[in-house]
N, C-alpha and C. Protein backbone atom coordinates (compact mmCIF):
# COMPACT_ATOMS: atom_id res chain seq x y z
N UNK A 1 3.68 -30.31 -79.05
CA UNK A 1 3.30 -29.55 -80.18
C UNK A 1 2.19 -29.72 -81.02
N UNK A 2 1.51 -28.62 -81.43
CA UNK A 2 -0.42 -29.62 -82.43
C UNK A 2 0.31 -28.58 -83.21
N UNK A 3 0.53 -28.73 -84.48
CA UNK A 3 0.54 -28.36 -85.70
C UNK A 3 -1.16 -28.30 -86.58
N UNK A 4 -1.63 -27.22 -87.06
CA UNK A 4 -3.22 -27.77 -87.36
C UNK A 4 -2.84 -27.27 -88.06
N UNK A 5 -3.60 -27.38 -89.26
CA UNK A 5 -3.88 -27.30 -90.98
C UNK A 5 -4.80 -27.37 -91.07
N UNK A 6 -5.16 -26.89 -92.49
CA UNK A 6 -6.47 -27.47 -93.58
C UNK A 6 -6.48 -28.89 -94.13
N UNK A 7 -6.76 -29.17 -93.59
CA UNK A 7 -6.57 -30.83 -93.78
C UNK A 7 -6.81 -31.84 -95.49
N UNK A 8 -8.29 -30.94 -95.90
CA UNK A 8 -8.58 -30.85 -97.47
C UNK A 8 -6.70 -30.11 -98.44
N UNK A 9 -6.04 -29.58 -97.57
CA UNK A 9 -4.94 -28.44 -98.78
C UNK A 9 -4.26 -29.22 -98.29
N UNK A 10 -3.54 -30.09 -100.12
CA UNK A 10 -2.53 -31.32 -100.02
C UNK A 10 -1.30 -30.03 -99.93
N UNK A 11 -1.07 -29.30 -100.25
CA UNK A 11 -0.13 -28.39 -99.57
C UNK A 11 0.07 -28.53 -98.56
N UNK A 12 -0.37 -27.62 -97.45
CA UNK A 12 -0.22 -27.44 -96.16
C UNK A 12 -0.08 -28.65 -95.69
N UNK A 13 -0.97 -29.82 -96.01
CA UNK A 13 -0.89 -31.78 -95.49
C UNK A 13 1.07 -31.89 -95.41
N UNK A 14 1.85 -31.55 -97.29
CA UNK A 14 2.67 -31.77 -97.38
C UNK A 14 3.61 -30.82 -96.29
N UNK A 15 3.76 -30.12 -96.55
CA UNK A 15 4.82 -28.52 -95.22
C UNK A 15 4.64 -29.36 -93.86
N UNK A 16 3.53 -29.80 -93.50
CA UNK A 16 3.18 -29.81 -92.12
C UNK A 16 3.99 -31.20 -91.61
N UNK A 17 3.73 -32.48 -92.27
CA UNK A 17 4.16 -33.43 -92.74
C UNK A 17 5.95 -33.14 -92.55
N UNK A 18 6.90 -32.28 -93.13
CA UNK A 18 7.78 -32.43 -93.33
C UNK A 18 8.48 -31.39 -91.95
N UNK A 19 7.29 -30.56 -91.62
CA UNK A 19 7.90 -30.21 -90.52
C UNK A 19 7.80 -30.88 -89.04
N UNK A 20 6.93 -32.01 -89.27
CA UNK A 20 7.09 -32.76 -88.43
C UNK A 20 8.31 -33.60 -88.17
N UNK A 21 8.84 -34.28 -89.55
CA UNK A 21 9.81 -35.02 -90.02
C UNK A 21 11.19 -33.79 -89.09
N UNK A 22 11.53 -32.30 -89.28
CA UNK A 22 12.25 -32.07 -88.91
C UNK A 22 12.58 -31.97 -87.47
N UNK A 23 11.58 -31.43 -87.03
CA UNK A 23 11.52 -31.39 -85.31
C UNK A 23 11.36 -33.13 -85.00
N UNK A 24 11.05 -33.49 -85.28
CA UNK A 24 11.90 -34.91 -85.29
C UNK A 24 12.90 -35.27 -84.53
N UNK A 25 13.87 -34.94 -85.60
CA UNK A 25 15.47 -34.80 -85.87
C UNK A 25 16.04 -34.19 -85.27
N UNK A 26 14.95 -32.84 -83.94
CA UNK A 26 15.52 -32.67 -83.09
C UNK A 26 15.47 -32.98 -81.42
N UNK A 27 14.24 -33.91 -81.51
CA UNK A 27 13.49 -34.15 -80.17
C UNK A 27 12.20 -33.63 -79.57
N UNK A 28 11.64 -32.66 -81.09
CA UNK A 28 10.80 -32.25 -80.40
C UNK A 28 9.03 -33.24 -81.46
N UNK A 29 8.23 -33.69 -80.42
CA UNK A 29 7.01 -34.28 -81.32
C UNK A 29 6.25 -33.54 -81.50
N UNK A 30 5.44 -33.42 -82.75
CA UNK A 30 4.65 -32.61 -83.46
C UNK A 30 3.17 -33.16 -84.01
N UNK A 31 2.48 -33.04 -83.29
CA UNK A 31 1.46 -34.11 -83.57
C UNK A 31 0.55 -32.97 -84.77
N UNK A 32 0.46 -33.70 -85.80
CA UNK A 32 -0.20 -33.24 -86.89
C UNK A 32 -1.98 -33.08 -86.87
N UNK A 33 -2.65 -32.17 -87.03
CA UNK A 33 -3.61 -31.35 -86.62
C UNK A 33 -4.95 -31.16 -88.50
N UNK A 34 -5.40 -32.41 -89.03
CA UNK A 34 -5.76 -31.80 -89.72
C UNK A 34 -7.35 -31.92 -90.19
N UNK A 35 -8.10 -30.29 -90.37
CA UNK A 35 -9.11 -30.09 -89.66
C UNK A 35 -9.67 -29.73 -91.13
N UNK A 36 -11.17 -29.52 -91.18
CA UNK A 36 -12.30 -28.61 -92.47
C UNK A 36 -11.79 -26.58 -92.15
N UNK A 37 -11.80 -26.32 -93.38
CA UNK A 37 -11.52 -24.66 -93.08
C UNK A 37 -11.99 -24.18 -92.19
N UNK A 38 -12.92 -24.51 -91.90
CA UNK A 38 -13.78 -23.32 -90.86
C UNK A 38 -13.71 -24.02 -89.07
N UNK A 39 -12.89 -25.13 -89.61
CA UNK A 39 -12.27 -25.59 -88.39
C UNK A 39 -11.23 -24.91 -87.76
N UNK A 40 -10.48 -25.36 -88.62
CA UNK A 40 -8.81 -23.80 -88.85
C UNK A 40 -8.93 -22.33 -88.21
N UNK A 41 -9.91 -21.75 -88.81
CA UNK A 41 -10.56 -21.06 -88.63
C UNK A 41 -10.84 -20.32 -87.48
N UNK A 42 -11.54 -20.79 -86.71
CA UNK A 42 -12.32 -21.05 -85.56
C UNK A 42 -10.68 -20.91 -83.91
N UNK A 43 -9.70 -21.85 -84.85
CA UNK A 43 -8.98 -22.32 -83.45
C UNK A 43 -8.17 -20.94 -83.98
N UNK A 44 -7.61 -20.28 -85.08
CA UNK A 44 -7.17 -19.08 -85.39
C UNK A 44 -8.05 -17.73 -84.53
N UNK A 45 -8.99 -17.75 -84.53
CA UNK A 45 -9.84 -16.88 -84.01
C UNK A 45 -9.79 -17.00 -82.09
N UNK A 46 -9.97 -18.18 -81.66
CA UNK A 46 -9.76 -18.81 -80.30
C UNK A 46 -8.10 -18.78 -79.16
N UNK A 47 -7.44 -19.59 -80.64
CA UNK A 47 -5.97 -19.54 -79.84
C UNK A 47 -5.88 -20.63 -79.37
N UNK A 48 -6.55 -22.23 -80.36
CA UNK A 48 -6.66 -23.56 -79.71
C UNK A 48 -5.09 -23.75 -80.93
N UNK A 49 -4.40 -23.50 -80.70
CA UNK A 49 -2.91 -23.92 -81.66
C UNK A 49 -1.78 -23.71 -81.17
N UNK A 50 -0.99 -24.90 -81.09
CA UNK A 50 0.83 -24.83 -80.65
C UNK A 50 1.12 -23.88 -81.94
N UNK A 51 0.96 -24.34 -82.96
CA UNK A 51 1.22 -23.56 -84.01
C UNK A 51 0.55 -24.08 -85.26
N UNK A 52 0.55 -23.25 -85.63
CA UNK A 52 -0.95 -22.87 -87.31
C UNK A 52 -0.53 -22.03 -88.25
N UNK A 53 -0.77 -22.80 -89.95
CA UNK A 53 -0.07 -22.03 -91.06
C UNK A 53 -1.01 -20.88 -91.30
N UNK A 54 -0.70 -19.75 -91.86
CA UNK A 54 -1.20 -18.70 -92.10
C UNK A 54 -0.39 -17.68 -93.07
N UNK A 55 -1.42 -16.94 -94.09
CA UNK A 55 -1.11 -16.64 -94.43
C UNK A 55 -1.07 -15.08 -93.86
N UNK A 56 0.13 -14.45 -94.61
CA UNK A 56 -0.47 -12.39 -94.72
C UNK A 56 -1.23 -11.85 -96.07
N UNK A 57 -1.90 -10.89 -95.68
CA UNK A 57 -2.73 -10.59 -97.10
C UNK A 57 -1.99 -10.12 -98.38
N UNK A 58 -0.52 -10.23 -98.21
CA UNK A 58 -0.48 -10.16 -99.95
C UNK A 58 -0.48 -7.92 -99.99
N UNK A 59 -0.14 -7.45 -101.03
CA UNK A 59 0.30 -6.83 -102.04
C UNK A 59 -1.32 -6.63 -102.05
N UNK A 60 -1.73 -5.69 -102.31
CA UNK A 60 -1.19 -3.99 -101.85
C UNK A 60 -1.85 -4.20 -99.95
N UNK A 61 -2.08 -4.75 -99.40
CA UNK A 61 -2.54 -5.04 -97.63
C UNK A 61 -1.33 -5.01 -97.21
N UNK A 62 -0.23 -5.66 -97.08
CA UNK A 62 1.02 -5.98 -96.74
C UNK A 62 2.18 -4.54 -96.67
N UNK A 63 2.25 -4.01 -95.36
CA UNK A 63 2.46 -4.80 -93.96
C UNK A 63 1.37 -4.27 -93.37
N UNK A 64 0.73 -3.38 -93.73
CA UNK A 64 -0.43 -2.12 -92.39
C UNK A 64 -1.48 -2.47 -92.01
N UNK A 65 -2.39 -3.39 -93.06
CA UNK A 65 -3.03 -3.85 -92.76
C UNK A 65 -2.86 -5.67 -92.06
N UNK A 66 -1.87 -6.40 -92.53
CA UNK A 66 -1.55 -7.03 -91.73
C UNK A 66 -1.26 -7.16 -90.52
N UNK A 67 -0.22 -6.21 -90.28
CA UNK A 67 -0.54 -5.43 -88.97
C UNK A 67 -1.14 -4.82 -87.60
N UNK A 68 -2.39 -4.51 -88.48
CA UNK A 68 -3.27 -3.90 -87.69
C UNK A 68 -4.89 -4.91 -86.85
N UNK A 69 -4.27 -6.04 -87.93
CA UNK A 69 -5.24 -6.85 -88.01
C UNK A 69 -4.31 -7.82 -86.37
N UNK A 70 -3.51 -7.52 -86.40
CA UNK A 70 -2.16 -8.49 -84.81
C UNK A 70 -3.03 -7.92 -83.75
N UNK A 71 -3.92 -6.76 -84.08
CA UNK A 71 -4.14 -6.17 -82.60
C UNK A 71 -5.74 -7.03 -82.55
N UNK A 72 -6.29 -7.69 -83.11
CA UNK A 72 -7.60 -8.00 -82.39
C UNK A 72 -7.73 -9.58 -82.33
N UNK A 73 -8.36 -9.40 -81.29
CA UNK A 73 -8.42 -10.87 -81.10
C UNK A 73 -8.97 -11.96 -81.08
N UNK A 74 -9.51 -11.83 -82.59
CA UNK A 74 -10.04 -13.18 -82.84
C UNK A 74 -9.40 -12.93 -84.20
N UNK A 75 -8.02 -12.63 -84.46
CA UNK A 75 -6.72 -13.68 -85.45
C UNK A 75 -5.93 -13.76 -84.57
N UNK A 76 -5.39 -14.49 -85.70
CA UNK A 76 -4.35 -16.08 -85.48
C UNK A 76 -2.81 -15.07 -85.14
N UNK A 77 -3.00 -14.14 -85.71
CA UNK A 77 -1.85 -13.03 -84.78
C UNK A 77 -1.62 -12.41 -83.85
N UNK A 78 -2.73 -11.88 -83.16
CA UNK A 78 -3.24 -11.81 -81.96
C UNK A 78 -3.03 -12.23 -81.10
N UNK A 79 -3.66 -14.27 -81.36
CA UNK A 79 -3.22 -15.23 -80.57
C UNK A 79 -1.99 -15.46 -80.19
N UNK A 80 -1.31 -15.49 -80.88
CA UNK A 80 0.19 -16.20 -81.55
C UNK A 80 0.87 -15.60 -80.38
N UNK A 81 0.87 -13.70 -80.21
CA UNK A 81 1.30 -12.88 -80.32
C UNK A 81 1.44 -13.04 -78.34
N UNK A 82 0.30 -13.78 -78.01
CA UNK A 82 -0.14 -13.40 -76.07
C UNK A 82 1.14 -14.41 -75.99
N UNK A 83 1.77 -13.32 -74.25
CA UNK A 83 2.84 -13.66 -73.35
C UNK A 83 3.60 -13.22 -73.73
N UNK A 84 3.92 -11.93 -75.06
CA UNK A 84 4.75 -11.81 -75.71
C UNK A 84 5.21 -10.64 -74.05
N UNK A 85 5.96 -10.45 -73.69
CA UNK A 85 6.00 -8.95 -73.19
C UNK A 85 6.12 -8.09 -73.23
N UNK A 86 6.66 -8.03 -74.33
CA UNK A 86 6.61 -6.62 -75.06
C UNK A 86 4.51 -6.27 -75.89
N UNK A 87 3.81 -7.67 -76.39
CA UNK A 87 2.63 -7.21 -76.61
C UNK A 87 2.07 -5.55 -76.54
N UNK A 88 2.16 -5.06 -75.09
CA UNK A 88 1.75 -3.56 -75.21
C UNK A 88 2.19 -3.00 -76.05
N UNK A 89 3.41 -3.08 -76.64
CA UNK A 89 4.39 -2.09 -76.90
C UNK A 89 4.08 -2.03 -78.85
N UNK A 90 4.29 -3.14 -78.79
CA UNK A 90 3.91 -3.82 -80.69
C UNK A 90 2.41 -3.16 -80.68
N UNK A 91 1.58 -3.66 -79.98
CA UNK A 91 0.53 -2.91 -79.68
C UNK A 91 0.30 -1.13 -80.24
N UNK A 92 0.37 -0.57 -79.25
CA UNK A 92 0.84 0.52 -79.74
C UNK A 92 2.02 1.20 -80.94
N UNK A 93 2.96 0.69 -80.97
CA UNK A 93 3.45 0.88 -82.36
C UNK A 93 2.54 0.58 -83.42
N UNK A 94 1.45 -0.01 -83.17
CA UNK A 94 0.67 -0.52 -84.66
C UNK A 94 0.02 0.11 -85.02
N UNK A 95 -0.09 0.69 -84.02
CA UNK A 95 -1.48 2.17 -84.14
C UNK A 95 -0.64 3.74 -84.22
N UNK A 96 0.60 4.16 -84.19
CA UNK A 96 1.55 4.94 -84.47
C UNK A 96 1.54 4.25 -85.53
N UNK A 97 2.34 3.80 -85.95
CA UNK A 97 2.75 3.45 -87.60
C UNK A 97 1.46 3.68 -88.69
N UNK A 98 -0.08 2.80 -88.45
CA UNK A 98 -0.92 3.26 -89.49
C UNK A 98 -0.98 5.18 -88.91
N UNK A 99 -0.77 6.07 -88.26
CA UNK A 99 -1.23 6.92 -88.25
C UNK A 99 -0.10 8.14 -88.71
N UNK A 100 1.01 7.74 -88.80
CA UNK A 100 2.08 8.95 -88.88
C UNK A 100 1.82 9.39 -90.19
N UNK A 101 2.34 10.25 -91.00
CA UNK A 101 1.97 10.68 -92.11
C UNK A 101 4.05 10.71 -92.39
N UNK A 102 4.27 11.02 -91.15
CA UNK A 102 6.12 10.86 -91.68
C UNK A 102 6.67 9.80 -92.08
N UNK A 103 7.41 9.51 -93.47
CA UNK A 103 7.85 8.28 -93.84
C UNK A 103 9.10 7.81 -93.17
N UNK A 104 9.92 8.44 -92.40
CA UNK A 104 10.95 8.38 -92.03
C UNK A 104 10.64 7.46 -90.58
N UNK A 105 9.26 8.20 -89.43
CA UNK A 105 9.36 7.77 -88.59
C UNK A 105 8.51 5.95 -88.99
N UNK A 106 7.65 6.37 -90.31
CA UNK A 106 7.27 4.66 -90.38
C UNK A 106 7.36 3.49 -90.90
N UNK A 107 9.36 3.88 -91.54
CA UNK A 107 9.23 2.60 -91.77
C UNK A 107 10.34 2.39 -90.36
N UNK A 108 10.94 3.69 -89.33
CA UNK A 108 11.64 3.35 -87.93
C UNK A 108 10.56 2.56 -87.72
N UNK A 109 9.11 2.70 -87.36
CA UNK A 109 8.06 2.08 -86.64
C UNK A 109 8.40 0.40 -87.12
N UNK A 110 7.97 0.15 -88.21
CA UNK A 110 8.08 -1.08 -89.33
C UNK A 110 8.82 -2.11 -88.72
N UNK A 111 10.49 -0.88 -88.58
CA UNK A 111 11.80 -2.04 -88.08
C UNK A 111 11.38 -2.36 -87.08
N UNK A 112 11.19 -1.59 -86.41
CA UNK A 112 11.48 -2.17 -84.53
C UNK A 112 9.54 -3.12 -84.39
N UNK A 113 8.66 -2.79 -84.98
CA UNK A 113 7.64 -4.05 -84.59
C UNK A 113 8.23 -5.24 -85.47
N UNK A 114 8.88 -5.37 -86.40
CA UNK A 114 9.38 -6.84 -87.78
C UNK A 114 10.08 -7.40 -87.00
N UNK A 115 11.32 -6.43 -86.28
CA UNK A 115 12.13 -7.25 -85.71
C UNK A 115 12.18 -7.94 -84.46
N UNK A 116 11.16 -7.22 -83.72
CA UNK A 116 10.59 -7.30 -82.56
C UNK A 116 10.21 -8.95 -82.42
N UNK A 117 8.97 -9.02 -83.38
CA UNK A 117 7.96 -10.38 -84.07
C UNK A 117 9.07 -11.33 -84.45
N UNK A 118 10.56 -10.78 -85.23
CA UNK A 118 11.52 -11.48 -85.73
C UNK A 118 12.46 -12.49 -84.68
N UNK A 119 12.58 -11.67 -82.78
CA UNK A 119 13.01 -12.18 -82.54
C UNK A 119 13.09 -12.78 -81.41
N UNK A 120 11.17 -13.24 -81.70
CA UNK A 120 10.45 -14.13 -80.63
C UNK A 120 10.21 -14.88 -81.36
N UNK A 121 10.73 -15.59 -82.75
CA UNK A 121 10.33 -16.34 -83.09
C UNK A 121 8.67 -16.30 -83.25
N UNK A 122 8.05 -15.14 -83.48
CA UNK A 122 6.77 -15.55 -82.84
C UNK A 122 6.05 -15.53 -84.72
N UNK A 123 6.90 -16.11 -85.69
CA UNK A 123 6.27 -16.25 -86.95
C UNK A 123 7.68 -16.80 -87.79
N UNK A 124 6.65 -18.18 -88.13
CA UNK A 124 8.83 -18.68 -89.43
C UNK A 124 7.98 -18.95 -90.60
N UNK A 125 8.74 -18.19 -91.35
CA UNK A 125 8.57 -17.79 -92.84
C UNK A 125 8.70 -19.22 -93.40
N UNK A 126 7.82 -19.61 -93.83
CA UNK A 126 8.23 -21.27 -94.85
C UNK A 126 7.87 -21.41 -96.34
N UNK A 127 6.52 -20.80 -96.56
CA UNK A 127 6.69 -21.11 -97.87
C UNK A 127 6.76 -19.45 -98.47
N UNK A 128 6.05 -19.33 -100.00
CA UNK A 128 5.81 -18.49 -101.12
C UNK A 128 4.93 -18.51 -102.18
N UNK A 129 3.30 -18.21 -102.12
CA UNK A 129 2.70 -18.89 -103.24
C UNK A 129 2.63 -18.19 -104.02
N UNK A 130 2.99 -18.73 -104.73
CA UNK A 130 2.65 -18.38 -106.64
C UNK A 130 1.22 -18.83 -107.24
N UNK A 131 1.15 -17.38 -108.36
CA UNK A 131 -0.43 -17.34 -108.74
C UNK A 131 0.23 -17.98 -109.95
N UNK A 132 -0.83 -18.66 -110.74
CA UNK A 132 -0.86 -19.39 -111.86
C UNK A 132 -1.76 -19.26 -112.88
N UNK A 133 -2.27 -19.51 -113.35
CA UNK A 133 -3.15 -18.76 -115.04
C UNK A 133 -2.91 -19.87 -116.25
N UNK A 134 -4.32 -20.60 -116.32
CA UNK A 134 -4.60 -21.70 -117.13
C UNK A 134 -5.26 -20.63 -117.88
N UNK A 135 -5.21 -21.00 -119.20
CA UNK A 135 -6.19 -20.18 -120.46
C UNK A 135 -5.97 -20.62 -121.28
N UNK A 136 -6.82 -21.26 -122.67
CA UNK A 136 -7.14 -21.12 -123.88
C UNK A 136 -6.37 -20.00 -123.86
N UNK A 137 -5.50 -19.92 -125.97
CA UNK A 137 -4.69 -19.30 -125.97
C UNK A 137 -5.66 -18.69 -127.18
N UNK A 138 -7.14 -18.79 -127.30
CA UNK A 138 -7.65 -17.43 -127.68
C UNK A 138 -7.96 -16.25 -126.93
N UNK A 139 -7.76 -16.98 -125.75
CA UNK A 139 -7.86 -15.08 -124.82
C UNK A 139 -6.40 -14.60 -124.22
N UNK A 140 -5.59 -14.51 -125.21
CA UNK A 140 -4.70 -13.90 -125.74
C UNK A 140 -4.33 -14.27 -124.43
N UNK A 141 -2.80 -13.00 -123.87
CA UNK A 141 -2.48 -12.30 -122.64
C UNK A 141 -3.41 -12.46 -120.98
N UNK A 142 -3.22 -12.91 -120.39
CA UNK A 142 -3.65 -12.29 -119.47
C UNK A 142 -3.04 -12.13 -117.67
N UNK A 143 -3.58 -10.86 -117.56
CA UNK A 143 -2.66 -9.64 -116.93
C UNK A 143 -2.89 -10.50 -115.62
N UNK A 144 -1.78 -9.88 -114.29
CA UNK A 144 -2.21 -10.68 -113.23
C UNK A 144 -2.40 -9.21 -112.22
N UNK A 145 -3.59 -9.22 -111.71
CA UNK A 145 -3.74 -8.31 -110.41
C UNK A 145 -3.13 -8.03 -109.72
N UNK A 146 -2.95 -6.99 -108.71
CA UNK A 146 -2.48 -6.44 -107.57
C UNK A 146 -2.52 -7.51 -106.03
N UNK A 147 -3.82 -8.08 -106.19
CA UNK A 147 -4.39 -8.87 -105.23
C UNK A 147 -4.32 -10.32 -106.08
N UNK A 148 -4.05 -11.51 -105.47
CA UNK A 148 -3.59 -12.14 -105.68
C UNK A 148 -5.26 -12.87 -106.10
N UNK A 149 -6.15 -12.98 -105.22
CA UNK A 149 -7.70 -13.23 -105.16
C UNK A 149 -8.45 -12.65 -106.64
N UNK A 150 -8.08 -11.56 -107.45
CA UNK A 150 -8.37 -10.82 -108.09
C UNK A 150 -8.77 -11.12 -109.51
N UNK A 151 -9.31 -10.95 -110.70
CA UNK A 151 -8.56 -11.27 -111.99
C UNK A 151 -9.24 -9.96 -112.74
N UNK A 152 -7.34 -9.69 -113.46
CA UNK A 152 -8.78 -8.06 -114.23
C UNK A 152 -9.01 -8.39 -115.29
N UNK A 153 -10.20 -8.72 -115.35
CA UNK A 153 -11.29 -9.17 -116.81
C UNK A 153 -11.75 -8.51 -117.51
N UNK A 154 -11.28 -7.36 -117.40
CA UNK A 154 -11.54 -5.97 -118.29
C UNK A 154 -9.64 -5.93 -118.82
N UNK A 155 -8.85 -6.09 -118.28
CA UNK A 155 -7.66 -6.20 -119.57
C UNK A 155 -7.58 -7.00 -120.34
N UNK A 156 -8.38 -8.23 -120.20
CA UNK A 156 -7.86 -9.44 -121.00
C UNK A 156 -8.72 -9.12 -122.35
N UNK A 157 -7.97 -9.20 -123.29
CA UNK A 157 -7.82 -8.85 -124.64
C UNK A 157 -7.75 -10.22 -125.84
N UNK A 158 -9.21 -11.20 -126.43
CA UNK A 158 -8.60 -12.43 -126.99
C UNK A 158 -8.20 -11.61 -128.44
N UNK A 159 -7.51 -12.85 -129.04
CA UNK A 159 -6.69 -12.60 -129.87
C UNK A 159 -8.07 -13.48 -130.76
N UNK A 160 -8.25 -12.52 -132.57
CA UNK A 160 -8.68 -12.77 -133.01
C UNK A 160 -8.31 -13.53 -134.28
N UNK A 161 -9.22 -14.28 -134.32
CA UNK A 161 -8.62 -15.92 -134.87
C UNK A 161 -8.34 -15.47 -136.68
């Protein structure tokens, strides 16, 4: 099995090596493919992977935007789900969950979709990325945004000397 990862990402490389060692203990050979970021994203789009690291989009996009992308052929999730017997049903339920206004129905659909993906072991949750902020004390408290890639500059209140 090939495990593809961004070769310049030290964390991904370490996780890949741990997975390789763990799989070796159960008799499975894992070849590590560390490539530049654009090559990894190309693999995600066209399905050229056995295993590949992929992150969810995080709050406030999970689970709706993350699930919606599973229906698009250019996403790793779509490629990883190819061959599942119930892929058409999963896609149908994703469409339904995105359109419903009924909270009870929405919860039931999310539960069914995520249970199906869990039962098929399409995804193996292995890490949780934390966000760290390093700043000078003069900037005061640095707030966190609900989206990891945003910095709420308008909320930063410098401390007066």
